[in-house]
Structures are given as structure tokens and as C-alpha cells.
Amino acid sequence: MSEVKRKGRPPAHDRDELLRLARAVAVERGFDALRFTDVAEATGVPVSSLQYAFGTRGALVREVLRAGVGVELARLRSAIERELD
């Protein structure tokens, strides 16, 4: 049986989920050691797709950090709101 090649655009990936999983990899390996190959392994997304989505490793690290800060800010806001109620 021959393999049928896909035509058209590659599948879309959930960027927030990619960043969440990349953040977990960064916590385990450290941000200095974060590599596209590690994120690809954790997410099942090919390295080439990750490189297309984020550009450079530095850009990936920045977005992972921003996403992490966003999560922490949301947690802090929620805690403050609970405290004020």
C-alpha cells in the first residue's frame, strides 16, 4: 500500500498548548537548554513547523516566558479578587 501525500496547508496547531508544553520542557531542562527538538518531542509537532511558527529559538524562549508571565499574572489577579471579596 502506498502512502497518500497530503495536499494543501499543514494542520493548524494550538499555539497556547504549544507554549504550555514548551514551558513544561523549559522548567525541566532550563530556558538556556530549551531546544526545538525537545519541544517537538513533547508536542508531537515537527521541528520545521515549530521553526515556522516561532522563527528562532530565542523567539520561542521569549514567547514561552511571556506566556508563563501571563499565566502567573492571571493567577495573581484571581487571588487578589478572591481576597477583595
C-alpha atoms as a PDB file:
ATOM      1  CA  MET A   1       0.000   0.000   0.000  1.00  0.00           C
ATOM      2  CA  SER A   2       1.460   3.355  -0.975  1.00  0.00           C
ATOM      3  CA  GLU A   3       1.344   6.359   1.301  1.00  0.00           C
ATOM      4  CA  VAL A   4      -1.014   9.129   0.208  1.00  0.00           C
ATOM      5  CA  LYS A   5       0.601  12.538   0.466  1.00  0.00           C
ATOM      6  CA  ARG A   6      -1.404  15.353   1.962  1.00  0.00           C
ATOM      7  CA  LYS A   7      -2.232  18.305  -0.191  1.00  0.00           C
ATOM      8  CA  GLY A   8      -2.885  21.802   0.987  1.00  0.00           C
ATOM      9  CA  ARG A   9      -1.900  23.606   4.125  1.00  0.00           C
ATOM     10  CA  PRO A  10      -0.356  21.787   7.071  1.00  0.00           C
ATOM     11  CA  PRO A  11      -2.615  21.274  10.088  1.00  0.00           C
ATOM     12  CA  ALA A  12      -3.011  24.223  12.438  1.00  0.00           C
ATOM     13  CA  HIS A  13      -1.576  23.829  15.922  1.00  0.00           C
ATOM     14  CA  ASP A  14      -2.925  25.322  19.125  1.00  0.00           C
ATOM     15  CA  ARG A  15      -0.268  27.933  19.901  1.00  0.00           C
ATOM     16  CA  ASP A  16      -1.321  28.256  23.549  1.00  0.00           C
ATOM     17  CA  GLU A  17      -0.997  24.499  24.013  1.00  0.00           C
ATOM     18  CA  LEU A  18       2.406  24.509  22.288  1.00  0.00           C
ATOM     19  CA  LEU A  19       3.580  27.268  24.621  1.00  0.00           C
ATOM     20  CA  ARG A  20       2.216  25.445  27.674  1.00  0.00           C
ATOM     21  CA  LEU A  21       4.066  22.261  26.748  1.00  0.00           C
ATOM     22  CA  ALA A  22       7.221  24.190  25.812  1.00  0.00           C
ATOM     23  CA  ARG A  23       7.084  25.894  29.215  1.00  0.00           C
ATOM     24  CA  ALA A  24       6.971  22.464  30.881  1.00  0.00           C
ATOM     25  CA  VAL A  25      10.043  21.428  28.872  1.00  0.00           C
ATOM     26  CA  ALA A  26      11.816  24.662  29.837  1.00  0.00           C
ATOM     27  CA  VAL A  27      11.071  24.096  33.519  1.00  0.00           C
ATOM     28  CA  GLU A  28      12.562  20.614  33.249  1.00  0.00           C
ATOM     29  CA  ARG A  29      15.609  21.471  31.109  1.00  0.00           C
ATOM     30  CA  GLY A  30      16.103  25.161  31.841  1.00  0.00           C
ATOM     31  CA  PHE A  31      15.490  28.024  29.441  1.00  0.00           C
ATOM     32  CA  ASP A  32      19.130  28.089  28.333  1.00  0.00           C
ATOM     33  CA  ALA A  33      18.874  24.453  27.249  1.00  0.00           C
ATOM     34  CA  LEU A  34      15.442  24.680  25.572  1.00  0.00           C
ATOM     35  CA  ARG A  35      15.674  23.279  22.037  1.00  0.00           C
ATOM     36  CA  PHE A  36      13.198  22.903  19.208  1.00  0.00           C
ATOM     37  CA  THR A  37      13.840  19.151  19.229  1.00  0.00           C
ATOM     38  CA  ASP A  38      12.778  18.888  22.889  1.00  0.00           C
ATOM     39  CA  VAL A  39       9.596  20.855  22.222  1.00  0.00           C
ATOM     40  CA  ALA A  40       8.903  18.750  19.123  1.00  0.00           C
ATOM     41  CA  GLU A  41       9.245  15.582  21.176  1.00  0.00           C
ATOM     42  CA  ALA A  42       6.918  16.908  23.893  1.00  0.00           C
ATOM     43  CA  THR A  43       4.283  18.228  21.488  1.00  0.00           C
ATOM     44  CA  GLY A  44       4.430  15.832  18.550  1.00  0.00           C
ATOM     45  CA  VAL A  45       4.823  18.847  16.244  1.00  0.00           C
ATOM     46  CA  PRO A  46       7.673  18.628  13.718  1.00  0.00           C
ATOM     47  CA  VAL A  47      10.697  20.855  14.309  1.00  0.00           C
ATOM     48  CA  SER A  48      10.123  22.523  10.942  1.00  0.00           C
ATOM     49  CA  SER A  49       6.587  23.533  11.975  1.00  0.00           C
ATOM     50  CA  LEU A  50       7.873  24.919  15.267  1.00  0.00           C
ATOM     51  CA  GLN A  51      10.570  26.873  13.452  1.00  0.00           C
ATOM     52  CA  TYR A  52       7.961  28.253  11.067  1.00  0.00           C
ATOM     53  CA  ALA A  53       5.669  29.217  13.957  1.00  0.00           C
ATOM     54  CA  PHE A  54       8.309  30.822  16.181  1.00  0.00           C
ATOM     55  CA  GLY A  55      11.198  31.657  13.874  1.00  0.00           C
ATOM     56  CA  THR A  56      14.221  31.363  16.121  1.00  0.00           C
ATOM     57  CA  ARG A  57      14.974  29.583  19.357  1.00  0.00           C
ATOM     58  CA  GLY A  58      15.287  32.983  21.007  1.00  0.00           C
ATOM     59  CA  ALA A  59      11.808  33.949  19.835  1.00  0.00           C
ATOM     60  CA  LEU A  60      10.454  30.651  21.170  1.00  0.00           C
ATOM     61  CA  VAL A  61      12.056  31.277  24.568  1.00  0.00           C
ATOM     62  CA  ARG A  62      10.648  34.841  24.684  1.00  0.00           C
ATOM     63  CA  GLU A  63       7.142  33.645  23.859  1.00  0.00           C
ATOM     64  CA  VAL A  64       7.336  30.849  26.429  1.00  0.00           C
ATOM     65  CA  LEU A  65       8.430  33.375  29.058  1.00  0.00           C
ATOM     66  CA  ARG A  66       5.668  35.832  28.083  1.00  0.00           C
ATOM     67  CA  ALA A  67       3.053  33.106  28.205  1.00  0.00           C
ATOM     68  CA  GLY A  68       4.307  31.988  31.617  1.00  0.00           C
ATOM     69  CA  VAL A  69       4.187  35.527  32.960  1.00  0.00           C
ATOM     70  CA  GLY A  70       0.647  35.861  31.579  1.00  0.00           C
ATOM     71  CA  VAL A  71      -0.440  32.721  33.422  1.00  0.00           C
ATOM     72  CA  GLU A  72       1.106  33.945  36.659  1.00  0.00           C
ATOM     73  CA  LEU A  73      -0.496  37.395  36.311  1.00  0.00           C
ATOM     74  CA  ALA A  74      -3.897  35.772  35.801  1.00  0.00           C
ATOM     75  CA  ARG A  75      -3.365  33.687  38.956  1.00  0.00           C
ATOM     76  CA  LEU A  76      -2.377  36.777  40.935  1.00  0.00           C
ATOM     77  CA  ARG A  77      -5.405  38.738  39.677  1.00  0.00           C
ATOM     78  CA  SER A  78      -7.661  35.868  40.663  1.00  0.00           C
ATOM     79  CA  ALA A  79      -6.099  35.677  44.115  1.00  0.00           C
ATOM     80  CA  ILE A  80      -6.478  39.439  44.598  1.00  0.00           C
ATOM     81  CA  GLU A  81     -10.127  39.321  43.504  1.00  0.00           C
ATOM     82  CA  ARG A  82     -10.825  36.491  45.966  1.00  0.00           C
ATOM     83  CA  GLU A  83      -9.136  38.475  48.712  1.00  0.00           C
ATOM     84  CA  LEU A  84     -11.152  41.618  47.948  1.00  0.00           C
ATOM     85  CA  ASP A  85     -14.469  39.750  48.015  1.00  0.00           C
END
